[in-house]
N, C-alpha and C. Protein backbone atom coordinates (compact mmCIF):
# COMPACT_ATOMS: atom_id res chain seq x y z
N MET A 1 43.57 138.45 5.41
CA MET A 1 43.59 140.00 5.35
C MET A 1 42.41 140.55 6.06
N ALA A 2 42.69 141.62 6.96
CA ALA A 2 41.54 142.23 7.55
C ALA A 2 40.68 142.99 6.62
N SER A 3 39.37 143.00 6.93
CA SER A 3 38.42 143.77 6.03
C SER A 3 38.64 145.22 6.25
N PRO A 4 38.37 146.09 5.24
CA PRO A 4 38.50 147.48 5.35
C PRO A 4 37.57 148.00 6.36
N ILE A 5 37.81 149.05 6.91
CA ILE A 5 37.07 149.87 7.90
C ILE A 5 35.84 150.46 7.11
N GLN A 6 34.57 150.13 7.58
CA GLN A 6 33.41 150.65 6.81
C GLN A 6 32.72 151.83 7.63
N ASN A 7 32.16 152.76 6.90
CA ASN A 7 31.42 153.73 7.51
C ASN A 7 30.11 153.09 8.16
N PRO A 8 30.07 153.16 9.55
CA PRO A 8 28.99 152.43 10.30
C PRO A 8 27.68 152.76 10.01
N LEU A 9 27.33 154.06 9.93
CA LEU A 9 26.01 154.65 9.66
C LEU A 9 26.04 155.58 8.60
N PRO A 10 25.07 155.50 7.66
CA PRO A 10 24.94 156.59 6.65
C PRO A 10 24.26 157.80 7.43
N SER A 11 24.62 158.94 6.76
CA SER A 11 23.85 160.20 7.23
C SER A 11 22.42 160.06 6.98
N GLU A 12 21.60 160.36 8.08
CA GLU A 12 20.19 160.26 7.96
C GLU A 12 19.51 161.28 8.86
N THR A 13 18.96 162.27 8.20
CA THR A 13 18.38 163.39 8.87
C THR A 13 16.97 163.38 8.38
N SER A 14 15.93 163.73 9.33
CA SER A 14 14.59 163.80 9.00
C SER A 14 14.03 165.24 9.14
N GLY A 15 12.97 165.57 8.46
CA GLY A 15 12.34 166.89 8.61
C GLY A 15 12.58 167.68 7.43
N ALA A 16 13.48 167.45 6.49
CA ALA A 16 13.67 168.32 5.24
C ALA A 16 12.53 168.00 4.35
N LYS A 17 11.90 169.05 3.90
CA LYS A 17 10.59 168.90 3.14
C LYS A 17 10.93 168.71 1.66
N ARG A 18 12.14 169.04 1.12
CA ARG A 18 12.43 168.86 -0.29
C ARG A 18 13.65 168.11 -0.45
N GLU A 19 13.85 167.68 -1.75
CA GLU A 19 15.00 166.86 -2.17
C GLU A 19 16.35 167.54 -1.70
N LYS A 20 17.23 166.76 -1.16
CA LYS A 20 18.52 167.22 -0.69
C LYS A 20 19.43 167.76 -1.69
N GLU A 21 19.20 167.28 -3.02
CA GLU A 21 20.04 167.78 -4.14
C GLU A 21 19.67 169.07 -4.55
N SER A 22 18.57 169.69 -4.06
CA SER A 22 18.17 171.06 -4.41
C SER A 22 19.20 171.99 -4.16
N PRO A 23 19.53 172.94 -5.20
CA PRO A 23 20.56 173.92 -4.98
C PRO A 23 20.21 174.85 -3.76
N ALA A 24 18.91 175.09 -3.71
CA ALA A 24 18.55 176.09 -2.61
C ALA A 24 18.76 175.30 -1.21
N TYR A 25 18.49 174.07 -1.14
CA TYR A 25 18.63 173.32 0.10
C TYR A 25 20.21 173.35 0.51
N GLU A 26 21.02 173.12 -0.47
CA GLU A 26 22.46 173.15 -0.23
C GLU A 26 23.00 174.43 0.19
N ARG A 27 22.45 175.55 -0.46
CA ARG A 27 22.91 176.84 -0.10
C ARG A 27 22.42 177.22 1.26
N ILE A 28 21.23 176.83 1.65
CA ILE A 28 20.76 177.04 2.96
C ILE A 28 21.55 176.21 4.14
N VAL A 29 21.88 175.10 3.80
CA VAL A 29 22.64 174.22 4.80
C VAL A 29 24.12 174.92 4.90
N ALA A 30 24.60 175.28 3.88
CA ALA A 30 25.98 175.86 3.92
C ALA A 30 25.91 177.24 4.67
N ALA A 31 24.85 177.94 4.43
CA ALA A 31 24.72 179.36 5.16
C ALA A 31 24.61 179.02 6.63
N ALA A 32 23.68 178.02 6.89
CA ALA A 32 23.38 177.65 8.21
C ALA A 32 24.65 177.27 9.08
N ILE A 33 25.55 176.55 8.43
CA ILE A 33 26.67 176.14 9.15
C ILE A 33 27.53 177.38 9.47
N GLU A 34 27.57 178.37 8.67
CA GLU A 34 28.31 179.60 8.99
C GLU A 34 27.59 180.39 10.10
N VAL A 35 26.29 180.52 9.92
CA VAL A 35 25.47 181.26 10.88
C VAL A 35 25.57 180.59 12.35
N PHE A 36 25.23 179.33 12.39
CA PHE A 36 25.29 178.67 13.71
C PHE A 36 26.73 178.63 14.17
N GLY A 37 27.71 178.53 13.36
CA GLY A 37 29.07 178.53 13.88
C GLY A 37 29.51 179.86 14.27
N THR A 38 28.95 180.87 13.88
CA THR A 38 29.18 182.25 14.32
C THR A 38 28.46 182.79 15.53
N PHE A 39 27.01 182.48 15.59
CA PHE A 39 26.29 182.98 16.66
C PHE A 39 25.90 181.91 17.72
N GLY A 40 25.95 180.64 17.27
CA GLY A 40 25.35 179.62 18.09
C GLY A 40 23.89 179.45 17.74
N PHE A 41 23.25 178.42 18.25
CA PHE A 41 21.81 178.15 18.01
C PHE A 41 20.97 179.09 18.50
N VAL A 42 21.15 179.64 19.63
CA VAL A 42 20.18 180.57 20.38
C VAL A 42 20.16 181.84 19.61
N LYS A 43 21.18 182.37 19.25
CA LYS A 43 21.36 183.76 18.71
C LYS A 43 21.08 183.81 17.11
N ALA A 44 21.30 182.60 16.56
CA ALA A 44 21.18 182.55 15.04
C ALA A 44 19.68 182.69 14.72
N THR A 45 19.41 183.26 13.56
CA THR A 45 17.98 183.50 13.12
C THR A 45 17.91 183.01 11.66
N ILE A 46 16.62 182.67 11.43
CA ILE A 46 16.31 182.16 9.99
C ILE A 46 16.41 183.24 9.07
N GLN A 47 16.26 184.64 9.51
CA GLN A 47 16.43 185.60 8.61
C GLN A 47 17.85 185.69 8.18
N GLU A 48 18.72 185.58 9.14
CA GLU A 48 20.27 185.62 8.74
C GLU A 48 20.65 184.52 7.93
N ILE A 49 20.22 183.22 8.13
CA ILE A 49 20.53 182.17 7.33
C ILE A 49 19.98 182.33 5.96
N ALA A 50 18.70 182.72 5.80
CA ALA A 50 18.12 182.98 4.48
C ALA A 50 18.91 184.06 3.76
N ALA A 51 19.30 185.15 4.47
CA ALA A 51 20.00 186.16 3.76
C ALA A 51 21.37 185.72 3.18
N ARG A 52 22.08 184.94 3.98
CA ARG A 52 23.33 184.35 3.56
C ARG A 52 23.27 183.34 2.52
N ALA A 53 22.13 182.75 2.35
CA ALA A 53 21.84 181.68 1.46
C ALA A 53 21.35 182.30 0.13
N HIS A 54 20.98 183.68 0.17
CA HIS A 54 20.40 184.33 -0.92
C HIS A 54 19.03 183.65 -1.31
N VAL A 55 18.29 183.37 -0.42
CA VAL A 55 16.93 182.74 -0.57
C VAL A 55 15.87 183.63 0.26
N SER A 56 14.74 183.48 -0.21
CA SER A 56 13.56 184.17 0.66
C SER A 56 13.18 183.26 1.80
N LYS A 57 12.59 183.89 2.84
CA LYS A 57 12.10 183.09 3.97
C LYS A 57 11.10 182.04 3.52
N PRO A 58 10.20 182.40 2.57
CA PRO A 58 9.24 181.26 2.19
C PRO A 58 9.92 180.20 1.54
N LEU A 59 10.99 180.35 0.80
CA LEU A 59 11.81 179.26 0.23
C LEU A 59 12.48 178.50 1.30
N PHE A 60 12.98 179.17 2.37
CA PHE A 60 13.53 178.46 3.46
C PHE A 60 12.51 177.61 3.93
N TYR A 61 11.32 177.96 4.30
CA TYR A 61 10.33 177.13 4.92
C TYR A 61 9.80 176.06 4.00
N ARG A 62 10.04 176.18 2.63
CA ARG A 62 9.73 175.05 1.80
C ARG A 62 10.68 173.91 1.85
N ASN A 63 11.80 174.18 2.41
CA ASN A 63 12.85 173.20 2.56
C ASN A 63 13.02 172.72 4.00
N PHE A 64 12.71 173.55 4.94
CA PHE A 64 12.97 173.16 6.37
C PHE A 64 11.68 173.55 7.22
N GLU A 65 11.42 172.88 8.26
CA GLU A 65 10.24 173.16 9.02
C GLU A 65 10.51 174.43 9.89
N ASN A 66 11.73 174.44 10.51
CA ASN A 66 12.07 175.66 11.39
C ASN A 66 13.54 175.55 11.68
N LYS A 67 13.88 176.45 12.55
CA LYS A 67 15.40 176.61 12.87
C LYS A 67 15.97 175.29 13.43
N GLN A 68 15.24 174.66 14.33
CA GLN A 68 15.80 173.45 15.01
C GLN A 68 16.00 172.31 13.89
N ASN A 69 15.05 172.31 12.85
CA ASN A 69 15.23 171.27 11.88
C ASN A 69 16.51 171.55 11.09
N VAL A 70 16.76 172.70 10.64
CA VAL A 70 17.98 172.95 9.75
C VAL A 70 19.24 172.77 10.74
N PHE A 71 19.10 173.05 12.08
CA PHE A 71 20.18 172.92 12.93
C PHE A 71 20.57 171.44 13.05
N GLU A 72 19.58 170.61 13.20
CA GLU A 72 19.79 169.15 13.34
C GLU A 72 20.59 168.69 12.10
N ILE A 73 20.12 169.09 10.88
CA ILE A 73 20.76 168.67 9.77
C ILE A 73 22.18 169.12 9.55
N VAL A 74 22.37 170.49 10.05
CA VAL A 74 23.79 170.93 10.05
C VAL A 74 24.73 170.07 10.94
N VAL A 75 24.21 169.82 12.12
CA VAL A 75 24.97 168.99 13.08
C VAL A 75 25.20 167.49 12.47
N ASP A 76 24.25 167.03 11.94
CA ASP A 76 24.35 165.69 11.35
C ASP A 76 25.38 165.69 10.29
N ARG A 77 25.34 166.72 9.50
CA ARG A 77 26.40 166.78 8.40
C ARG A 77 27.71 167.01 8.90
N VAL A 78 27.83 167.75 9.98
CA VAL A 78 29.20 167.99 10.66
C VAL A 78 29.69 166.71 11.24
N PHE A 79 28.81 165.90 11.88
CA PHE A 79 29.30 164.62 12.43
C PHE A 79 29.66 163.58 11.44
N THR A 80 28.83 163.64 10.28
CA THR A 80 29.07 162.66 9.21
C THR A 80 30.53 162.94 8.58
N GLU A 81 30.83 164.29 8.49
CA GLU A 81 32.18 164.64 7.75
C GLU A 81 33.31 164.33 8.88
N TRP A 82 33.01 164.55 10.15
CA TRP A 82 33.97 164.27 11.13
C TRP A 82 34.22 162.71 11.24
N ARG A 83 33.10 161.95 11.18
CA ARG A 83 33.27 160.50 11.16
C ARG A 83 34.11 160.00 9.93
N GLN A 84 33.76 160.59 8.75
CA GLN A 84 34.53 160.15 7.60
C GLN A 84 36.06 160.51 7.68
N ALA A 85 36.28 161.68 8.31
CA ALA A 85 37.76 162.02 8.46
C ALA A 85 38.42 161.08 9.35
N LEU A 86 37.70 160.56 10.38
CA LEU A 86 38.29 159.64 11.29
C LEU A 86 38.63 158.23 10.47
N ILE A 87 37.66 157.82 9.66
CA ILE A 87 37.73 156.58 8.89
C ILE A 87 38.83 156.70 7.88
N ASP A 88 38.93 157.94 7.11
CA ASP A 88 39.89 158.01 6.17
C ASP A 88 41.33 158.06 6.75
N GLU A 89 41.48 158.59 7.96
CA GLU A 89 42.72 158.66 8.65
C GLU A 89 43.32 157.30 9.15
N VAL A 90 42.25 156.55 9.70
CA VAL A 90 42.61 155.27 10.23
C VAL A 90 42.98 154.31 9.00
N THR A 91 42.17 154.44 7.83
CA THR A 91 42.43 153.67 6.72
C THR A 91 43.79 154.03 6.03
N ARG A 92 44.11 155.27 6.05
CA ARG A 92 45.23 155.69 5.34
C ARG A 92 46.53 155.12 6.17
N ASN A 93 46.45 155.03 7.47
CA ASN A 93 47.59 154.62 8.20
C ASN A 93 47.33 153.17 8.71
N GLU A 94 47.80 152.22 7.79
CA GLU A 94 47.55 150.93 7.91
C GLU A 94 48.36 150.27 9.19
N GLY A 95 48.12 150.68 10.23
CA GLY A 95 48.86 150.09 11.47
C GLY A 95 48.07 149.04 12.18
N ASP A 96 48.54 148.65 13.25
CA ASP A 96 47.83 147.65 14.02
C ASP A 96 46.70 148.20 14.89
N THR A 97 46.04 147.44 15.69
CA THR A 97 44.88 148.05 16.48
C THR A 97 45.20 149.13 17.30
N ALA A 98 46.45 148.99 18.07
CA ALA A 98 46.84 150.13 18.99
C ALA A 98 47.03 151.43 18.18
N GLN A 99 47.59 151.32 17.09
CA GLN A 99 47.98 152.54 16.19
C GLN A 99 46.65 153.12 15.69
N ALA A 100 45.75 152.25 15.32
CA ALA A 100 44.41 152.65 14.78
C ALA A 100 43.61 153.40 15.88
N LEU A 101 43.59 152.95 17.08
CA LEU A 101 42.81 153.49 18.18
C LEU A 101 43.50 154.85 18.49
N ARG A 102 44.81 154.85 18.51
CA ARG A 102 45.59 156.15 18.78
C ARG A 102 45.29 157.22 17.77
N ILE A 103 45.37 156.79 16.47
CA ILE A 103 45.03 157.75 15.36
C ILE A 103 43.68 158.25 15.52
N LEU A 104 42.69 157.37 15.79
CA LEU A 104 41.26 157.69 15.95
C LEU A 104 41.06 158.85 16.97
N PHE A 105 41.78 158.63 18.19
CA PHE A 105 41.62 159.63 19.33
C PHE A 105 42.26 160.93 18.87
N LEU A 106 43.56 160.87 18.41
CA LEU A 106 44.19 162.13 18.06
C LEU A 106 43.55 162.78 16.98
N THR A 107 43.05 162.12 15.97
CA THR A 107 42.43 162.80 14.82
C THR A 107 41.08 163.42 15.33
N ALA A 108 40.37 162.80 16.16
CA ALA A 108 39.13 163.47 16.71
C ALA A 108 39.43 164.76 17.38
N LEU A 109 40.54 164.81 18.18
CA LEU A 109 40.92 166.08 18.79
C LEU A 109 41.34 167.03 17.80
N GLU A 110 42.19 166.65 16.81
CA GLU A 110 42.71 167.72 15.87
C GLU A 110 41.63 168.23 14.99
N TYR A 111 40.59 167.38 14.56
CA TYR A 111 39.57 167.83 13.69
C TYR A 111 38.81 168.96 14.40
N GLY A 112 38.44 168.81 15.68
CA GLY A 112 37.76 169.84 16.37
C GLY A 112 38.54 171.05 16.52
N ARG A 113 39.86 170.78 16.99
CA ARG A 113 40.80 172.03 17.11
C ARG A 113 40.96 172.87 15.97
N ALA A 114 40.97 172.33 14.80
CA ALA A 114 41.25 172.93 13.51
C ALA A 114 39.94 173.71 12.98
N ARG A 115 38.82 173.42 13.68
CA ARG A 115 37.57 174.07 13.14
C ARG A 115 36.89 174.82 14.18
N PRO A 116 37.38 176.11 14.40
CA PRO A 116 36.76 176.84 15.54
C PRO A 116 35.27 177.07 15.46
N LEU A 117 34.66 177.04 14.36
CA LEU A 117 33.15 177.21 14.32
C LEU A 117 32.40 176.10 15.05
N LEU A 118 33.08 175.05 15.32
CA LEU A 118 32.39 173.95 16.06
C LEU A 118 32.22 174.27 17.55
N ASN A 119 33.01 175.18 17.95
CA ASN A 119 33.03 175.66 19.41
C ASN A 119 31.67 176.36 19.70
N ARG A 120 31.07 177.15 18.73
CA ARG A 120 29.82 177.89 18.88
C ARG A 120 28.64 177.00 18.36
N LEU A 121 28.92 176.12 17.40
CA LEU A 121 27.93 175.24 16.92
C LEU A 121 27.53 174.19 17.99
N LEU A 122 28.47 173.64 18.68
CA LEU A 122 28.13 172.63 19.62
C LEU A 122 28.44 173.10 21.06
N THR A 123 27.73 174.21 21.51
CA THR A 123 27.73 174.70 22.83
C THR A 123 27.04 173.75 23.80
N ARG A 124 27.09 173.87 25.02
CA ARG A 124 26.40 173.08 25.90
C ARG A 124 24.87 173.14 25.80
N ASP A 125 24.44 174.34 25.45
CA ASP A 125 22.88 174.54 25.21
C ASP A 125 22.50 173.77 24.04
N SER A 126 23.27 173.81 22.96
CA SER A 126 22.99 173.20 21.67
C SER A 126 23.04 171.64 21.89
N GLN A 127 23.98 171.20 22.75
CA GLN A 127 24.07 169.80 23.04
C GLN A 127 22.89 169.31 23.74
N LEU A 128 22.39 170.14 24.79
CA LEU A 128 21.24 169.76 25.58
C LEU A 128 19.98 169.68 24.63
N LEU A 129 19.83 170.61 23.76
CA LEU A 129 18.82 170.55 22.79
C LEU A 129 18.78 169.28 21.99
N LEU A 130 19.94 168.94 21.44
CA LEU A 130 20.07 167.77 20.60
C LEU A 130 19.80 166.40 21.42
N SER A 131 20.26 166.42 22.67
CA SER A 131 20.10 165.25 23.43
C SER A 131 18.67 164.94 23.90
N THR A 132 17.89 166.07 24.05
CA THR A 132 16.55 165.96 24.59
C THR A 132 15.44 165.90 23.54
N GLN A 133 15.74 166.49 22.34
CA GLN A 133 14.80 166.69 21.24
C GLN A 133 15.20 166.07 19.97
N SER A 134 16.25 165.36 19.86
CA SER A 134 16.82 164.89 18.63
C SER A 134 17.53 163.58 18.76
N ASP A 135 17.68 162.82 17.78
CA ASP A 135 18.44 161.63 17.80
C ASP A 135 19.77 161.69 17.21
N VAL A 136 20.07 162.91 16.69
CA VAL A 136 21.45 163.19 16.05
C VAL A 136 22.61 162.95 16.87
N TRP A 137 22.48 163.30 18.05
CA TRP A 137 23.72 163.11 19.12
C TRP A 137 23.87 161.50 19.39
N ASP A 138 22.71 160.90 19.52
CA ASP A 138 22.73 159.51 19.84
C ASP A 138 23.19 158.63 18.66
N ARG A 139 22.87 159.13 17.45
CA ARG A 139 23.27 158.40 16.18
C ARG A 139 24.86 158.59 16.04
N ALA A 140 25.36 159.72 16.37
CA ALA A 140 26.79 159.99 16.19
C ALA A 140 27.48 159.25 17.22
N CYS A 141 27.05 159.05 18.42
CA CYS A 141 27.74 158.18 19.33
C CYS A 141 27.70 156.79 18.96
N LEU A 142 26.49 156.26 18.39
CA LEU A 142 26.40 154.86 17.93
C LEU A 142 27.32 154.59 16.81
N ALA A 143 27.44 155.59 15.89
CA ALA A 143 28.34 155.37 14.79
C ALA A 143 29.84 155.23 15.19
N LEU A 144 30.21 156.10 16.13
CA LEU A 144 31.57 156.04 16.73
C LEU A 144 31.85 154.68 17.41
N THR A 145 30.75 154.29 18.14
CA THR A 145 30.95 152.97 18.83
C THR A 145 31.06 151.90 17.87
N GLN A 146 30.28 151.86 16.80
CA GLN A 146 30.49 150.71 15.85
C GLN A 146 31.81 150.77 15.14
N LEU A 147 32.24 151.94 14.85
CA LEU A 147 33.63 152.08 14.24
C LEU A 147 34.65 151.49 15.12
N ILE A 148 34.65 151.85 16.40
CA ILE A 148 35.53 151.35 17.35
C ILE A 148 35.41 149.88 17.60
N GLU A 149 34.25 149.33 17.52
CA GLU A 149 33.99 147.83 17.55
C GLU A 149 34.67 147.16 16.38
N GLN A 150 34.59 147.76 15.19
CA GLN A 150 35.27 147.13 14.00
C GLN A 150 36.73 147.04 14.26
N ILE A 151 37.32 148.09 14.76
CA ILE A 151 38.75 148.09 15.03
C ILE A 151 39.16 146.94 16.22
N LEU A 152 38.32 146.93 17.15
CA LEU A 152 38.57 145.98 18.22
C LEU A 152 38.41 144.53 17.76
N HIS A 153 37.40 144.26 16.89
CA HIS A 153 37.23 142.92 16.39
C HIS A 153 38.42 142.48 15.55
N ARG A 154 39.03 143.49 14.73
CA ARG A 154 40.21 143.15 13.92
C ARG A 154 41.34 142.80 14.98
N GLY A 155 41.44 143.60 16.04
CA GLY A 155 42.51 143.35 17.02
C GLY A 155 42.40 141.95 17.69
N ILE A 156 41.21 141.60 17.94
CA ILE A 156 40.96 140.23 18.56
C ILE A 156 41.38 139.15 17.66
N GLU A 157 40.93 139.34 16.43
CA GLU A 157 41.42 138.31 15.32
C GLU A 157 42.91 138.26 15.18
N ALA A 158 43.61 139.35 15.46
CA ALA A 158 45.01 139.38 15.38
C ALA A 158 45.76 139.03 16.60
N GLY A 159 44.95 138.75 17.70
CA GLY A 159 45.45 138.34 18.95
C GLY A 159 46.09 139.59 19.71
N ARG A 160 45.66 140.73 19.36
CA ARG A 160 46.24 141.89 20.02
C ARG A 160 45.36 142.53 21.22
N VAL A 161 44.02 142.24 20.96
CA VAL A 161 43.06 142.82 21.85
C VAL A 161 42.49 141.84 22.87
N ARG A 162 42.22 142.26 24.07
CA ARG A 162 41.67 141.33 25.10
C ARG A 162 40.35 140.59 24.53
N SER A 163 40.32 139.40 24.85
CA SER A 163 39.07 138.60 24.50
C SER A 163 38.33 138.20 25.70
N ASP A 164 38.67 138.63 26.87
CA ASP A 164 38.02 138.32 28.12
C ASP A 164 36.93 139.31 28.48
N LEU A 165 36.84 140.35 27.79
CA LEU A 165 35.79 141.43 28.04
C LEU A 165 35.01 141.51 26.69
N PRO A 166 33.72 141.72 26.85
CA PRO A 166 32.73 141.86 25.70
C PRO A 166 33.31 143.19 24.97
N VAL A 167 33.28 143.00 23.66
CA VAL A 167 33.76 144.13 22.75
C VAL A 167 32.92 145.27 22.91
N GLU A 168 31.47 145.16 23.09
CA GLU A 168 30.66 146.24 23.15
C GLU A 168 30.93 147.09 24.41
N TYR A 169 31.38 146.36 25.47
CA TYR A 169 31.77 147.22 26.80
C TYR A 169 32.99 147.98 26.50
N MET A 170 34.03 147.41 25.82
CA MET A 170 35.25 148.08 25.64
C MET A 170 34.89 149.26 24.69
N ALA A 171 34.16 149.08 23.64
CA ALA A 171 33.89 150.06 22.63
C ALA A 171 33.11 151.22 23.32
N ASP A 172 32.17 150.90 24.15
CA ASP A 172 31.39 151.90 24.86
C ASP A 172 32.27 152.87 25.73
N LEU A 173 33.30 152.27 26.33
CA LEU A 173 34.17 153.06 27.25
C LEU A 173 35.03 153.89 26.28
N LEU A 174 35.61 153.41 25.26
CA LEU A 174 36.57 154.11 24.41
C LEU A 174 35.70 155.29 23.63
N THR A 175 34.37 155.03 23.35
CA THR A 175 33.46 156.05 22.81
C THR A 175 33.39 157.16 23.75
N GLU A 176 33.10 156.92 24.99
CA GLU A 176 33.04 157.88 26.12
C GLU A 176 34.26 158.69 26.24
N ILE A 177 35.39 158.06 26.17
CA ILE A 177 36.66 158.73 26.27
C ILE A 177 36.88 159.78 25.11
N ASN A 178 36.61 159.26 23.91
CA ASN A 178 36.71 159.98 22.66
C ASN A 178 35.85 161.22 22.70
N PHE A 179 34.49 161.03 23.02
CA PHE A 179 33.56 162.07 23.03
C PHE A 179 33.87 163.07 24.14
N THR A 180 34.22 162.64 25.40
CA THR A 180 34.45 163.50 26.38
C THR A 180 35.53 164.47 26.24
N TYR A 181 36.69 163.94 25.68
CA TYR A 181 37.77 164.82 25.50
C TYR A 181 37.64 165.73 24.31
N ALA A 182 37.01 165.13 23.25
CA ALA A 182 36.77 166.07 22.08
C ALA A 182 35.87 167.10 22.47
N ASN A 183 34.75 166.81 23.19
CA ASN A 183 33.90 167.76 23.70
C ASN A 183 34.41 168.73 24.69
N ARG A 184 35.29 168.41 25.56
CA ARG A 184 35.91 169.32 26.50
C ARG A 184 36.70 170.29 25.75
N GLN A 185 37.39 169.86 24.71
CA GLN A 185 38.20 170.89 23.93
C GLN A 185 37.23 171.77 23.23
N LEU A 186 36.10 171.35 22.71
CA LEU A 186 35.24 172.20 22.01
C LEU A 186 34.53 173.28 22.93
N ILE A 187 34.14 172.82 24.04
CA ILE A 187 33.50 173.66 25.03
C ILE A 187 34.40 174.79 25.48
N SER A 188 35.67 174.42 25.83
CA SER A 188 36.53 175.32 26.44
C SER A 188 37.25 176.10 25.38
N GLY A 189 37.39 175.72 24.20
CA GLY A 189 38.07 176.38 23.20
C GLY A 189 39.57 176.27 23.24
N ILE A 190 39.97 175.41 24.33
CA ILE A 190 41.54 175.33 24.50
C ILE A 190 41.87 173.80 24.13
N ALA A 191 42.93 173.78 23.21
CA ALA A 191 43.47 172.56 22.81
C ALA A 191 44.07 171.81 23.90
N ILE A 192 43.77 170.39 23.82
CA ILE A 192 44.34 169.51 24.75
C ILE A 192 45.87 169.30 24.48
N GLU A 193 46.76 169.53 25.44
CA GLU A 193 48.16 169.39 25.24
C GLU A 193 48.52 168.12 24.61
N PRO A 194 49.63 168.11 23.72
CA PRO A 194 50.00 166.82 23.09
C PRO A 194 50.42 165.78 24.16
N ASP A 195 51.20 166.21 25.24
CA ASP A 195 51.52 165.18 26.17
C ASP A 195 50.40 164.51 26.97
N ARG A 196 49.42 165.30 27.25
CA ARG A 196 48.23 164.94 27.96
C ARG A 196 47.46 163.98 26.90
N ALA A 197 47.30 164.38 25.60
CA ALA A 197 46.68 163.42 24.63
C ALA A 197 47.36 162.11 24.54
N GLU A 198 48.71 162.05 24.59
CA GLU A 198 49.41 160.86 24.49
C GLU A 198 49.18 160.01 25.67
N ALA A 199 49.20 160.60 26.83
CA ALA A 199 49.15 159.90 28.10
C ALA A 199 47.63 159.37 28.09
N LEU A 200 46.61 160.13 27.75
CA LEU A 200 45.32 159.60 27.67
C LEU A 200 45.25 158.36 26.78
N THR A 201 45.88 158.45 25.64
CA THR A 201 45.88 157.36 24.68
C THR A 201 46.49 156.11 25.31
N ALA A 202 47.63 156.29 26.00
CA ALA A 202 48.20 155.10 26.71
C ALA A 202 47.45 154.57 27.77
N CYS A 203 46.61 155.32 28.43
CA CYS A 203 45.68 154.74 29.44
C CYS A 203 44.58 153.95 28.81
N MET A 204 44.12 154.55 27.67
CA MET A 204 42.99 153.96 27.04
C MET A 204 43.46 152.51 26.32
N LEU A 205 44.57 152.46 25.80
CA LEU A 205 45.11 151.35 25.10
C LEU A 205 45.41 150.21 26.20
N ASP A 206 45.99 150.69 27.27
CA ASP A 206 46.33 149.62 28.42
C ASP A 206 45.03 148.91 28.87
N GLY A 207 43.87 149.54 28.74
CA GLY A 207 42.67 148.91 29.15
C GLY A 207 42.17 147.76 28.20
N VAL A 208 42.42 147.86 26.93
CA VAL A 208 41.87 146.91 26.08
C VAL A 208 42.87 146.13 25.33
N MET A 209 44.21 146.44 25.27
CA MET A 209 45.15 145.60 24.60
C MET A 209 45.52 144.36 25.50
N ARG A 210 45.96 143.37 24.88
CA ARG A 210 46.36 142.10 25.58
C ARG A 210 47.65 142.39 26.47
N HIS A 211 48.52 143.26 25.97
CA HIS A 211 49.76 143.57 26.81
C HIS A 211 49.74 145.10 26.80
N PRO A 212 50.20 145.71 27.88
CA PRO A 212 50.14 147.16 28.04
C PRO A 212 50.86 147.86 26.90
N VAL A 213 50.22 148.82 26.37
CA VAL A 213 50.72 149.50 25.26
C VAL A 213 50.88 150.96 25.50
N VAL A 214 52.08 151.49 25.41
CA VAL A 214 52.21 152.96 25.69
C VAL A 214 52.87 153.67 24.43
N SER A 215 52.47 154.90 24.25
CA SER A 215 53.04 155.58 23.10
C SER A 215 54.50 155.84 23.10
N THR A 216 55.15 155.80 22.00
CA THR A 216 56.62 156.16 21.99
C THR A 216 56.87 157.53 22.44
N GLU A 217 55.75 158.48 22.31
CA GLU A 217 56.04 159.81 22.84
C GLU A 217 56.35 159.77 24.34
N LEU A 218 55.95 158.69 24.99
CA LEU A 218 56.20 158.69 26.54
C LEU A 218 57.39 157.79 26.77
N GLY A 219 58.06 157.33 25.71
CA GLY A 219 59.41 156.60 25.99
C GLY A 219 59.22 155.03 25.93
N ARG A 220 57.97 154.57 25.62
CA ARG A 220 57.91 153.06 25.52
C ARG A 220 57.17 152.74 24.25
N PRO A 221 57.51 151.61 23.67
CA PRO A 221 56.90 151.23 22.20
C PRO A 221 55.43 151.07 22.34
N ILE A 222 54.72 151.48 21.30
CA ILE A 222 53.39 151.40 21.08
C ILE A 222 52.98 150.03 20.50
């Protein structure tokens, strides 16, 4: 029996000055998600976050160093919840490797589409900030890669996934595809059409499965 899919990386954020269990800490993070999701990183202010959290600015600074610090923690939390949603969906649908990879991709798209606040939270400017001044983005990519590696290893054991290519290379490519299209949808605010999503899934699977696999949505068995 295949081992269950595990959460590859625990949430790990640095810079918070007080215990994360603090009610004030949690109120600030919840408020920051709303504020960043409404105004984006550049236009959001500590004053607005503190007001929505019903805390004073001194209390804000006892919990967080600055606006960037709380933003990193917000994004880390969003990515952690997103990753857990992917794991839950893949685990709930106990299909083979092709089905697991298909569900992973489509769930990533649907998660972003169903949460409009992510569009402002993860703007191009915000992503540039995270990629140059924080490891949050890199850790999110690494966690997704490790999740995909788990699925591919199970597929190799079952004789469904190609064994002539290194798993880490295949996982890296699938991570890029997942991130690129989920991000394209976030930046544009326009959902990727179902037919295109299914076609992308088919192309993705054809590259890693031992036999070409195409979605039933396109008329051939998965």
